[in-house]
All heavy atoms as atom14 arrays in JSON, in Angstrom:
{
  "sequence": "QAFLSQFSSCEVEIEPVQVDSGVADQPMTDEETRLGAKNRVASAQLKM",
  "atom14_mask": [
    [1, 1, 1, 1, 1, 1, 1, 1, 1, 0, 0, 0, 0, 0],
    [1, 1, 1, 1, 1, 0, 0, 0, 0, 0, 0, 0, 0, 0],
    [1, 1, 1, 1, 1, 1, 1, 1, 1, 1, 1, 0, 0, 0],
    [1, 1, 1, 1, 1, 1, 1, 1, 0, 0, 0, 0, 0, 0],
    [1, 1, 1, 1, 1, 1, 0, 0, 0, 0, 0, 0, 0, 0],
    [1, 1, 1, 1, 1, 1, 1, 1, 1, 0, 0, 0, 0, 0],
    [1, 1, 1, 1, 1, 1, 1, 1, 1, 1, 1, 0, 0, 0],
    [1, 1, 1, 1, 1, 1, 0, 0, 0, 0, 0, 0, 0, 0],
    [1, 1, 1, 1, 1, 1, 0, 0, 0, 0, 0, 0, 0, 0],
    [1, 1, 1, 1, 1, 1, 0, 0, 0, 0, 0, 0, 0, 0],
    [1, 1, 1, 1, 1, 1, 1, 1, 1, 0, 0, 0, 0, 0],
    [1, 1, 1, 1, 1, 1, 1, 0, 0, 0, 0, 0, 0, 0],
    [1, 1, 1, 1, 1, 1, 1, 1, 1, 0, 0, 0, 0, 0],
    [1, 1, 1, 1, 1, 1, 1, 1, 0, 0, 0, 0, 0, 0],
    [1, 1, 1, 1, 1, 1, 1, 1, 1, 0, 0, 0, 0, 0],
    [1, 1, 1, 1, 1, 1, 1, 0, 0, 0, 0, 0, 0, 0],
    [1, 1, 1, 1, 1, 1, 1, 0, 0, 0, 0, 0, 0, 0],
    [1, 1, 1, 1, 1, 1, 1, 1, 1, 0, 0, 0, 0, 0],
    [1, 1, 1, 1, 1, 1, 1, 0, 0, 0, 0, 0, 0, 0],
    [1, 1, 1, 1, 1, 1, 1, 1, 0, 0, 0, 0, 0, 0],
    [1, 1, 1, 1, 1, 1, 0, 0, 0, 0, 0, 0, 0, 0],
    [1, 1, 1, 1, 0, 0, 0, 0, 0, 0, 0, 0, 0, 0],
    [1, 1, 1, 1, 1, 1, 1, 0, 0, 0, 0, 0, 0, 0],
    [1, 1, 1, 1, 1, 0, 0, 0, 0, 0, 0, 0, 0, 0],
    [1, 1, 1, 1, 1, 1, 1, 1, 0, 0, 0, 0, 0, 0],
    [1, 1, 1, 1, 1, 1, 1, 1, 1, 0, 0, 0, 0, 0],
    [1, 1, 1, 1, 1, 1, 1, 0, 0, 0, 0, 0, 0, 0],
    [1, 1, 1, 1, 1, 1, 1, 1, 0, 0, 0, 0, 0, 0],
    [1, 1, 1, 1, 1, 1, 1, 0, 0, 0, 0, 0, 0, 0],
    [1, 1, 1, 1, 1, 1, 1, 1, 0, 0, 0, 0, 0, 0],
    [1, 1, 1, 1, 1, 1, 1, 1, 1, 0, 0, 0, 0, 0],
    [1, 1, 1, 1, 1, 1, 1, 1, 1, 0, 0, 0, 0, 0],
    [1, 1, 1, 1, 1, 1, 1, 0, 0, 0, 0, 0, 0, 0],
    [1, 1, 1, 1, 1, 1, 1, 1, 1, 1, 1, 0, 0, 0],
    [1, 1, 1, 1, 1, 1, 1, 1, 0, 0, 0, 0, 0, 0],
    [1, 1, 1, 1, 0, 0, 0, 0, 0, 0, 0, 0, 0, 0],
    [1, 1, 1, 1, 1, 0, 0, 0, 0, 0, 0, 0, 0, 0],
    [1, 1, 1, 1, 1, 1, 1, 1, 1, 0, 0, 0, 0, 0],
    [1, 1, 1, 1, 1, 1, 1, 1, 0, 0, 0, 0, 0, 0],
    [1, 1, 1, 1, 1, 1, 1, 1, 1, 1, 1, 0, 0, 0],
    [1, 1, 1, 1, 1, 1, 1, 0, 0, 0, 0, 0, 0, 0],
    [1, 1, 1, 1, 1, 0, 0, 0, 0, 0, 0, 0, 0, 0],
    [1, 1, 1, 1, 1, 1, 0, 0, 0, 0, 0, 0, 0, 0],
    [1, 1, 1, 1, 1, 0, 0, 0, 0, 0, 0, 0, 0, 0],
    [1, 1, 1, 1, 1, 1, 1, 1, 1, 0, 0, 0, 0, 0],
    [1, 1, 1, 1, 1, 1, 1, 1, 0, 0, 0, 0, 0, 0],
    [1, 1, 1, 1, 1, 1, 1, 1, 1, 0, 0, 0, 0, 0],
    [1, 1, 1, 1, 1, 1, 1, 1, 0, 0, 0, 0, 0, 0]
  ],
  "atom14_positions": [
    [[-103.81, 9.65, -17.63], [-103.74, 10.99, -16.99], [-104.0, 10.95, -15.5], [-103.31, 11.62, -14.73], [-104.7, 11.93, -17.68], [-104.33, 12.32, -19.13], [-102.89, 12.87, -19.24], [-102.47, 13.69, -18.38], [-102.2, 12.4, -20.21], [0.0, 0.0, 0.0], [0.0, 0.0, 0.0], [0.0, 0.0, 0.0], [0.0, 0.0, 0.0], [0.0, 0.0, 0.0]],
    [[-104.99, 10.13, -15.11], [-105.29, 10.05, -13.64], [-104.13, 9.46, -12.89], [-103.73, 9.96, -11.84], [-106.56, 9.22, -13.48], [0.0, 0.0, 0.0], [0.0, 0.0, 0.0], [0.0, 0.0, 0.0], [0.0, 0.0, 0.0], [0.0, 0.0, 0.0], [0.0, 0.0, 0.0], [0.0, 0.0, 0.0], [0.0, 0.0, 0.0], [0.0, 0.0, 0.0]],
    [[-103.57, 8.35, -13.41], [-102.43, 7.72, -12.69], [-101.24, 8.63, -12.7], [-100.51, 8.72, -11.69], [-102.11, 6.35, -13.32], [-102.92, 5.24, -12.7], [-104.18, 4.97, -13.12], [-102.39, 4.52, -11.63], [-104.98, 3.99, -12.57], [-103.17, 3.47, -11.06], [-104.46, 3.22, -11.47], [0.0, 0.0, 0.0], [0.0, 0.0, 0.0], [0.0, 0.0, 0.0]],
    [[-100.95, 9.3, -13.82], [-99.79, 10.22, -13.83], [-99.99, 11.38, -12.82], [-98.98, 11.79, -12.21], [-99.56, 10.78, -15.24], [-98.98, 9.81, -16.21], [-98.97, 10.42, -17.67], [-97.54, 9.39, -15.85], [0.0, 0.0, 0.0], [0.0, 0.0, 0.0], [0.0, 0.0, 0.0], [0.0, 0.0, 0.0], [0.0, 0.0, 0.0], [0.0, 0.0, 0.0]],
    [[-101.22, 11.8, -12.68], [-101.43, 12.95, -11.71], [-101.28, 12.44, -10.29], [-100.83, 13.19, -9.43], [-102.8, 13.56, -11.93], [-103.85, 12.74, -11.46], [0.0, 0.0, 0.0], [0.0, 0.0, 0.0], [0.0, 0.0, 0.0], [0.0, 0.0, 0.0], [0.0, 0.0, 0.0], [0.0, 0.0, 0.0], [0.0, 0.0, 0.0], [0.0, 0.0, 0.0]],
    [[-101.69, 11.23, -9.95], [-101.65, 10.73, -8.58], [-100.34, 10.02, -8.23], [-100.06, 9.83, -7.05], [-102.85, 9.79, -8.34], [-104.18, 10.51, -8.33], [-104.38, 11.39, -7.14], [-103.59, 12.22, -6.79], [-105.56, 11.19, -6.46], [0.0, 0.0, 0.0], [0.0, 0.0, 0.0], [0.0, 0.0, 0.0], [0.0, 0.0, 0.0], [0.0, 0.0, 0.0]],
    [[-99.64, 9.57, -9.24], [-98.36, 8.87, -9.0], [-97.28, 9.55, -9.87], [-96.67, 8.95, -10.74], [-98.47, 7.39, -9.4], [-99.43, 6.6, -8.57], [-100.72, 6.43, -9.01], [-99.06, 6.06, -7.33], [-101.64, 5.68, -8.26], [-99.98, 5.37, -6.61], [-101.27, 5.15, -7.04], [0.0, 0.0, 0.0], [0.0, 0.0, 0.0], [0.0, 0.0, 0.0]],
    [[-97.06, 10.82, -9.59], [-96.21, 11.63, -10.47], [-94.75, 11.2, -10.46], [-94.02, 11.49, -11.45], [-96.3, 13.13, -10.1], [-95.92, 13.29, -8.74], [0.0, 0.0, 0.0], [0.0, 0.0, 0.0], [0.0, 0.0, 0.0], [0.0, 0.0, 0.0], [0.0, 0.0, 0.0], [0.0, 0.0, 0.0], [0.0, 0.0, 0.0], [0.0, 0.0, 0.0]],
    [[-94.31, 10.47, -9.46], [-92.92, 10.01, -9.47], [-92.74, 8.64, -10.15], [-91.65, 8.12, -10.14], [-92.41, 9.95, -8.01], [-93.11, 8.98, -7.28], [0.0, 0.0, 0.0], [0.0, 0.0, 0.0], [0.0, 0.0, 0.0], [0.0, 0.0, 0.0], [0.0, 0.0, 0.0], [0.0, 0.0, 0.0], [0.0, 0.0, 0.0], [0.0, 0.0, 0.0]],
    [[-93.8, 8.11, -10.66], [-93.76, 6.81, -11.32], [-93.99, 6.87, -12.8], [-94.7, 7.77, -13.29], [-94.86, 5.87, -10.72], [-94.66, 5.51, -9.0], [0.0, 0.0, 0.0], [0.0, 0.0, 0.0], [0.0, 0.0, 0.0], [0.0, 0.0, 0.0], [0.0, 0.0, 0.0], [0.0, 0.0, 0.0], [0.0, 0.0, 0.0], [0.0, 0.0, 0.0]],
    [[-93.39, 5.95, -13.52], [-93.73, 5.74, -14.92], [-94.99, 4.87, -14.93], [-95.13, 3.98, -14.08], [-92.57, 5.03, -15.52], [-92.68, 4.96, -17.08], [-91.44, 4.27, -17.65], [-90.29, 4.72, -17.33], [-91.61, 3.31, -18.39], [0.0, 0.0, 0.0], [0.0, 0.0, 0.0], [0.0, 0.0, 0.0], [0.0, 0.0, 0.0], [0.0, 0.0, 0.0]],
    [[-95.9, 5.14, -15.81], [-97.15, 4.4, -15.88], [-97.21, 3.64, -17.22], [-97.15, 4.22, -18.29], [-98.38, 5.34, -15.73], [-99.66, 4.56, -15.95], [-98.33, 6.05, -14.43], [0.0, 0.0, 0.0], [0.0, 0.0, 0.0], [0.0, 0.0, 0.0], [0.0, 0.0, 0.0], [0.0, 0.0, 0.0], [0.0, 0.0, 0.0], [0.0, 0.0, 0.0]],
    [[-97.26, 2.32, -17.11], [-97.41, 1.41, -18.23], [-98.84, 0.93, -18.32], [-99.34, 0.25, -17.39], [-96.43, 0.21, -18.06], [-96.57, -0.8, -19.14], [-95.78, -2.1, -18.74], [-94.77, -2.0, -18.03], [-96.23, -3.18, -19.17], [0.0, 0.0, 0.0], [0.0, 0.0, 0.0], [0.0, 0.0, 0.0], [0.0, 0.0, 0.0], [0.0, 0.0, 0.0]],
    [[-99.55, 1.28, -19.41], [-100.94, 0.94, -19.58], [-101.04, -0.33, -20.45], [-100.42, -0.39, -21.53], [-101.75, 2.09, -20.26], [-101.68, 3.37, -19.41], [-103.16, 1.66, -20.49], [-102.38, 3.32, -18.08], [0.0, 0.0, 0.0], [0.0, 0.0, 0.0], [0.0, 0.0, 0.0], [0.0, 0.0, 0.0], [0.0, 0.0, 0.0], [0.0, 0.0, 0.0]],
    [[-101.81, -1.27, -19.97], [-102.02, -2.5, -20.75], [-103.54, -2.68, -20.95], [-104.23, -3.05, -19.97], [-101.48, -3.68, -19.95], [-101.54, -5.0, -20.67], [-100.5, -5.14, -21.74], [-99.35, -4.6, -21.62], [-100.8, -5.74, -22.8], [0.0, 0.0, 0.0], [0.0, 0.0, 0.0], [0.0, 0.0, 0.0], [0.0, 0.0, 0.0], [0.0, 0.0, 0.0]],
    [[-104.07, -2.45, -22.13], [-105.44, -2.62, -22.36], [-105.81, -4.15, -22.52], [-104.94, -4.92, -23.0], [-105.74, -1.91, -23.64], [-104.44, -1.78, -24.37], [-103.38, -1.88, -23.31], [0.0, 0.0, 0.0], [0.0, 0.0, 0.0], [0.0, 0.0, 0.0], [0.0, 0.0, 0.0], [0.0, 0.0, 0.0], [0.0, 0.0, 0.0], [0.0, 0.0, 0.0]],
    [[-106.98, -4.52, -22.07], [-107.43, -5.91, -22.19], [-108.95, -5.85, -22.47], [-109.66, -5.0, -21.95], [-107.1, -6.71, -20.93], [-107.78, -6.19, -19.69], [-107.41, -8.15, -21.13], [0.0, 0.0, 0.0], [0.0, 0.0, 0.0], [0.0, 0.0, 0.0], [0.0, 0.0, 0.0], [0.0, 0.0, 0.0], [0.0, 0.0, 0.0], [0.0, 0.0, 0.0]],
    [[-109.39, -6.77, -23.3], [-110.82, -6.89, -23.62], [-111.4, -7.97, -22.71], [-110.97, -9.11, -22.75], [-111.0, -7.3, -25.08], [-112.44, -7.19, -25.52], [-112.93, -5.71, -25.53], [-112.23, -4.81, -26.01], [-114.11, -5.49, -25.09], [0.0, 0.0, 0.0], [0.0, 0.0, 0.0], [0.0, 0.0, 0.0], [0.0, 0.0, 0.0], [0.0, 0.0, 0.0]],
    [[-112.34, -7.57, -21.9], [-113.04, -8.51, -20.99], [-114.54, -8.17, -21.01], [-114.97, -7.05, -21.3], [-112.5, -8.44, -19.52], [-111.11, -8.99, -19.44], [-112.64, -7.06, -18.95], [0.0, 0.0, 0.0], [0.0, 0.0, 0.0], [0.0, 0.0, 0.0], [0.0, 0.0, 0.0], [0.0, 0.0, 0.0], [0.0, 0.0, 0.0], [0.0, 0.0, 0.0]],
    [[-115.37, -9.16, -20.67], [-116.78, -9.03, -20.67], [-117.26, -8.31, -19.37], [-116.65, -8.58, -18.29], [-117.47, -10.38, -20.79], [-118.96, -10.23, -21.05], [-119.38, -9.39, -21.8], [-119.66, -11.09, -20.43], [0.0, 0.0, 0.0], [0.0, 0.0, 0.0], [0.0, 0.0, 0.0], [0.0, 0.0, 0.0], [0.0, 0.0, 0.0], [0.0, 0.0, 0.0]],
    [[-118.23, -7.5, -19.48], [-118.77, -6.76, -18.32], [-119.77, -7.62, -17.54], [-120.08, -7.35, -16.38], [-119.45, -5.49, -18.76], [-120.64, -5.76, -19.48], [0.0, 0.0, 0.0], [0.0, 0.0, 0.0], [0.0, 0.0, 0.0], [0.0, 0.0, 0.0], [0.0, 0.0, 0.0], [0.0, 0.0, 0.0], [0.0, 0.0, 0.0], [0.0, 0.0, 0.0]],
    [[-120.38, -8.62, -18.2], [-121.4, -9.4, -17.58], [-122.73, -8.7, -17.43], [-123.62, -9.21, -16.77], [0.0, 0.0, 0.0], [0.0, 0.0, 0.0], [0.0, 0.0, 0.0], [0.0, 0.0, 0.0], [0.0, 0.0, 0.0], [0.0, 0.0, 0.0], [0.0, 0.0, 0.0], [0.0, 0.0, 0.0], [0.0, 0.0, 0.0], [0.0, 0.0, 0.0]],
    [[-122.82, -7.57, -18.09], [-124.08, -6.82, -18.05], [-124.42, -6.46, -19.51], [-123.65, -6.74, -20.43], [-124.02, -5.55, -17.15], [-123.74, -5.88, -15.71], [-123.01, -4.54, -17.68], [0.0, 0.0, 0.0], [0.0, 0.0, 0.0], [0.0, 0.0, 0.0], [0.0, 0.0, 0.0], [0.0, 0.0, 0.0], [0.0, 0.0, 0.0], [0.0, 0.0, 0.0]],
    [[-125.55, -5.8, -19.68], [-125.99, -5.4, -20.99], [-124.92, -4.5, -21.68], [-124.26, -3.73, -20.99], [-127.36, -4.73, -20.98], [0.0, 0.0, 0.0], [0.0, 0.0, 0.0], [0.0, 0.0, 0.0], [0.0, 0.0, 0.0], [0.0, 0.0, 0.0], [0.0, 0.0, 0.0], [0.0, 0.0, 0.0], [0.0, 0.0, 0.0], [0.0, 0.0, 0.0]],
    [[-124.89, -4.51, -23.02], [-123.96, -3.62, -23.75], [-124.28, -2.13, -23.33], [-123.37, -1.32, -23.31], [-124.06, -3.76, -25.26], [-123.45, -5.08, -25.71], [-122.66, -5.66, -24.99], [-123.81, -5.5, -26.81], [0.0, 0.0, 0.0], [0.0, 0.0, 0.0], [0.0, 0.0, 0.0], [0.0, 0.0, 0.0], [0.0, 0.0, 0.0], [0.0, 0.0, 0.0]],
    [[-125.55, -1.84, -23.09], [-125.93, -0.51, -22.63], [-126.64, -0.69, -21.29], [-127.81, -0.88, -21.17], [-126.92, 0.18, -23.63], [-127.35, 1.55, -23.2], [-126.16, 2.53, -23.01], [-125.61, 3.02, -23.98], [-125.76, 2.73, -21.77], [0.0, 0.0, 0.0], [0.0, 0.0, 0.0], [0.0, 0.0, 0.0], [0.0, 0.0, 0.0], [0.0, 0.0, 0.0]],
    [[-125.8, -0.6, -20.17], [-126.45, -0.75, -18.85], [-127.45, 0.38, -18.63], [-127.25, 1.54, -18.98], [-125.24, -0.56, -17.92], [-124.03, -0.86, -18.73], [-124.38, -0.46, -20.11], [0.0, 0.0, 0.0], [0.0, 0.0, 0.0], [0.0, 0.0, 0.0], [0.0, 0.0, 0.0], [0.0, 0.0, 0.0], [0.0, 0.0, 0.0], [0.0, 0.0, 0.0]],
    [[-128.63, 0.0, -18.06], [-129.72, 0.94, -17.96], [-130.06, 1.3, -16.49], [-131.12, 1.91, -16.26], [-130.95, 0.39, -18.61], [-130.79, 0.32, -20.16], [-130.48, 1.96, -20.97], [-132.04, 2.79, -20.65], [0.0, 0.0, 0.0], [0.0, 0.0, 0.0], [0.0, 0.0, 0.0], [0.0, 0.0, 0.0], [0.0, 0.0, 0.0], [0.0, 0.0, 0.0]],
    [[-129.22, 0.92, -15.58], [-129.45, 1.37, -14.16], [-128.07, 1.67, -13.54], [-127.04, 1.18, -14.03], [-130.15, 0.31, -13.32], [-129.3, -0.86, -13.14], [-131.49, -0.11, -13.89], [0.0, 0.0, 0.0], [0.0, 0.0, 0.0], [0.0, 0.0, 0.0], [0.0, 0.0, 0.0], [0.0, 0.0, 0.0], [0.0, 0.0, 0.0], [0.0, 0.0, 0.0]],
    [[-128.13, 2.43, -12.48], [-126.92, 2.7, -11.72], [-126.26, 1.42, -11.23], [-125.07, 1.23, -11.34], [-127.3, 3.65, -10.56], [-126.12, 4.24, -9.83], [-125.25, 4.76, -10.51], [-126.07, 4.11, -8.61], [0.0, 0.0, 0.0], [0.0, 0.0, 0.0], [0.0, 0.0, 0.0], [0.0, 0.0, 0.0], [0.0, 0.0, 0.0], [0.0, 0.0, 0.0]],
    [[-127.08, 0.53, -10.71], [-126.56, -0.72, -10.13], [-125.93, -1.59, -11.18], [-124.87, -2.2, -11.0], [-127.72, -1.52, -9.45], [-128.28, -0.79, -8.21], [-129.32, 0.28, -8.54], [-129.83, 0.3, -9.71], [-129.58, 1.13, -7.67], [0.0, 0.0, 0.0], [0.0, 0.0, 0.0], [0.0, 0.0, 0.0], [0.0, 0.0, 0.0], [0.0, 0.0, 0.0]],
    [[-126.6, -1.71, -12.34], [-126.06, -2.56, -13.45], [-124.75, -1.92, -13.93], [-123.8, -2.7, -14.29], [-127.09, -2.62, -14.59], [-126.65, -3.5, -15.75], [-127.66, -3.57, -16.88], [-128.48, -2.63, -17.05], [-127.61, -4.55, -17.64], [0.0, 0.0, 0.0], [0.0, 0.0, 0.0], [0.0, 0.0, 0.0], [0.0, 0.0, 0.0], [0.0, 0.0, 0.0]],
    [[-124.64, -0.64, -14.02], [-123.45, 0.02, -14.53], [-122.27, -0.23, -13.52], [-121.2, -0.61, -13.99], [-123.7, 1.51, -14.67], [-124.86, 1.72, -15.52], [-122.48, 2.18, -15.32], [0.0, 0.0, 0.0], [0.0, 0.0, 0.0], [0.0, 0.0, 0.0], [0.0, 0.0, 0.0], [0.0, 0.0, 0.0], [0.0, 0.0, 0.0], [0.0, 0.0, 0.0]],
    [[-122.56, -0.06, -12.26], [-121.51, -0.35, -11.24], [-121.06, -1.77, -11.3], [-119.86, -2.08, -11.25], [-122.07, 0.02, -9.88], [-121.11, -0.15, -8.76], [-121.69, 0.42, -7.45], [-120.84, 0.05, -6.34], [-121.24, -0.68, -5.31], [-122.46, -1.17, -5.25], [-120.38, -1.0, -4.39], [0.0, 0.0, 0.0], [0.0, 0.0, 0.0], [0.0, 0.0, 0.0]],
    [[-121.99, -2.71, -11.42], [-121.68, -4.11, -11.51], [-120.84, -4.4, -12.72], [-119.86, -5.23, -12.66], [-122.96, -4.96, -11.51], [-122.77, -6.46, -11.63], [-121.97, -7.01, -10.45], [-124.14, -7.19, -11.75], [0.0, 0.0, 0.0], [0.0, 0.0, 0.0], [0.0, 0.0, 0.0], [0.0, 0.0, 0.0], [0.0, 0.0, 0.0], [0.0, 0.0, 0.0]],
    [[-121.11, -3.77, -13.86], [-120.33, -3.98, -15.06], [-118.85, -3.57, -14.82], [-117.98, -4.33, -15.24], [0.0, 0.0, 0.0], [0.0, 0.0, 0.0], [0.0, 0.0, 0.0], [0.0, 0.0, 0.0], [0.0, 0.0, 0.0], [0.0, 0.0, 0.0], [0.0, 0.0, 0.0], [0.0, 0.0, 0.0], [0.0, 0.0, 0.0], [0.0, 0.0, 0.0]],
    [[-118.61, -2.46, -14.17], [-117.25, -2.01, -13.89], [-116.54, -3.01, -12.97], [-115.37, -3.38, -13.15], [-117.22, -0.6, -13.31], [0.0, 0.0, 0.0], [0.0, 0.0, 0.0], [0.0, 0.0, 0.0], [0.0, 0.0, 0.0], [0.0, 0.0, 0.0], [0.0, 0.0, 0.0], [0.0, 0.0, 0.0], [0.0, 0.0, 0.0], [0.0, 0.0, 0.0]],
    [[-117.24, -3.46, -11.92], [-116.73, -4.42, -10.98], [-116.37, -5.75, -11.67], [-115.32, -6.35, -11.44], [-117.7, -4.63, -9.79], [-117.77, -3.45, -8.9], [-118.93, -3.63, -7.91], [-118.51, -4.57, -6.81], [-119.44, -4.54, -5.65], [0.0, 0.0, 0.0], [0.0, 0.0, 0.0], [0.0, 0.0, 0.0], [0.0, 0.0, 0.0], [0.0, 0.0, 0.0]],
    [[-117.3, -6.18, -12.53], [-117.06, -7.49, -13.25], [-115.9, -7.37, -14.18], [-115.1, -8.32, -14.34], [-118.31, -7.82, -14.07], [-119.49, -8.31, -13.2], [-119.27, -8.59, -12.01], [-120.63, -8.35, -13.79], [0.0, 0.0, 0.0], [0.0, 0.0, 0.0], [0.0, 0.0, 0.0], [0.0, 0.0, 0.0], [0.0, 0.0, 0.0], [0.0, 0.0, 0.0]],
    [[-115.74, -6.24, -14.82], [-114.58, -6.03, -15.74], [-113.23, -6.16, -14.96], [-112.31, -6.81, -15.44], [-114.65, -4.7, -16.45], [-115.74, -4.62, -17.5], [-115.65, -3.33, -18.3], [-116.8, -3.18, -19.17], [-116.88, -3.7, -20.4], [-115.92, -4.47, -20.81], [-117.95, -3.49, -21.12], [0.0, 0.0, 0.0], [0.0, 0.0, 0.0], [0.0, 0.0, 0.0]],
    [[-113.18, -5.54, -13.78], [-111.95, -5.67, -12.97], [-111.68, -7.05, -12.56], [-110.57, -7.54, -12.68], [-112.05, -4.69, -11.73], [-110.98, -4.99, -10.75], [-111.93, -3.24, -12.22], [0.0, 0.0, 0.0], [0.0, 0.0, 0.0], [0.0, 0.0, 0.0], [0.0, 0.0, 0.0], [0.0, 0.0, 0.0], [0.0, 0.0, 0.0], [0.0, 0.0, 0.0]],
    [[-112.71, -7.76, -12.07], [-112.51, -9.11, -11.64], [-112.04, -10.0, -12.81], [-111.13, -10.85, -12.65], [-113.83, -9.67, -11.05], [0.0, 0.0, 0.0], [0.0, 0.0, 0.0], [0.0, 0.0, 0.0], [0.0, 0.0, 0.0], [0.0, 0.0, 0.0], [0.0, 0.0, 0.0], [0.0, 0.0, 0.0], [0.0, 0.0, 0.0], [0.0, 0.0, 0.0]],
    [[-112.6, -9.79, -13.99], [-112.2, -10.58, -15.16], [-110.78, -10.25, -15.58], [-110.01, -11.16, -15.97], [-113.14, -10.32, -16.33], [-114.42, -10.86, -16.0], [0.0, 0.0, 0.0], [0.0, 0.0, 0.0], [0.0, 0.0, 0.0], [0.0, 0.0, 0.0], [0.0, 0.0, 0.0], [0.0, 0.0, 0.0], [0.0, 0.0, 0.0], [0.0, 0.0, 0.0]],
    [[-110.46, -8.95, -15.52], [-109.11, -8.55, -15.88], [-108.05, -9.11, -14.94], [-106.96, -9.5, -15.37], [-108.98, -7.04, -15.93], [0.0, 0.0, 0.0], [0.0, 0.0, 0.0], [0.0, 0.0, 0.0], [0.0, 0.0, 0.0], [0.0, 0.0, 0.0], [0.0, 0.0, 0.0], [0.0, 0.0, 0.0], [0.0, 0.0, 0.0], [0.0, 0.0, 0.0]],
    [[-108.36, -9.17, -13.68], [-107.44, -9.76, -12.71], [-107.15, -11.22, -12.98], [-106.04, -11.69, -12.83], [-107.97, -9.56, -11.28], [-107.9, -8.16, -10.78], [-108.56, -7.97, -9.43], [-109.69, -8.33, -9.24], [-107.79, -7.42, -8.53], [0.0, 0.0, 0.0], [0.0, 0.0, 0.0], [0.0, 0.0, 0.0], [0.0, 0.0, 0.0], [0.0, 0.0, 0.0]],
    [[-108.2, -11.97, -13.45], [-107.98, -13.37, -13.8], [-107.2, -13.46, -15.08], [-106.34, -14.37, -15.21], [-109.34, -14.06, -13.96], [-110.16, -14.25, -12.65], [-111.52, -14.77, -12.99], [-109.43, -15.16, -11.72], [0.0, 0.0, 0.0], [0.0, 0.0, 0.0], [0.0, 0.0, 0.0], [0.0, 0.0, 0.0], [0.0, 0.0, 0.0], [0.0, 0.0, 0.0]],
    [[-107.48, -12.64, -16.06], [-106.84, -12.72, -17.37], [-105.38, -12.24, -17.35], [-104.57, -12.76, -18.04], [-107.68, -11.9, -18.38], [-107.33, -12.19, -19.83], [-108.4, -11.56, -20.74], [-108.21, -11.98, -22.16], [-109.29, -11.44, -23.02], [0.0, 0.0, 0.0], [0.0, 0.0, 0.0], [0.0, 0.0, 0.0], [0.0, 0.0, 0.0], [0.0, 0.0, 0.0]],
    [[-105.15, -11.18, -16.55], [-103.83, -10.57, -16.49], [-103.47, -10.38, -15.0], [-103.54, -9.24, -14.52], [-103.78, -9.28, -17.26], [-104.11, -9.4, -18.72], [-103.89, -7.9, -19.6], [-102.16, -7.8, -19.7], [0.0, 0.0, 0.0], [0.0, 0.0, 0.0], [0.0, 0.0, 0.0], [0.0, 0.0, 0.0], [0.0, 0.0, 0.0], [0.0, 0.0, 0.0]]
  ]
}
């Protein structure tokens, strides 16, 4: 929905991938949560 709203003239192809966050399953700080999202992106870029 976010990509369709911001790129309305484009078709959006979603590809899910399972990657590790490198943080606890339940992040317990703001910093750990942010790091988990960053780690997921970095891992996804390597994997796909």
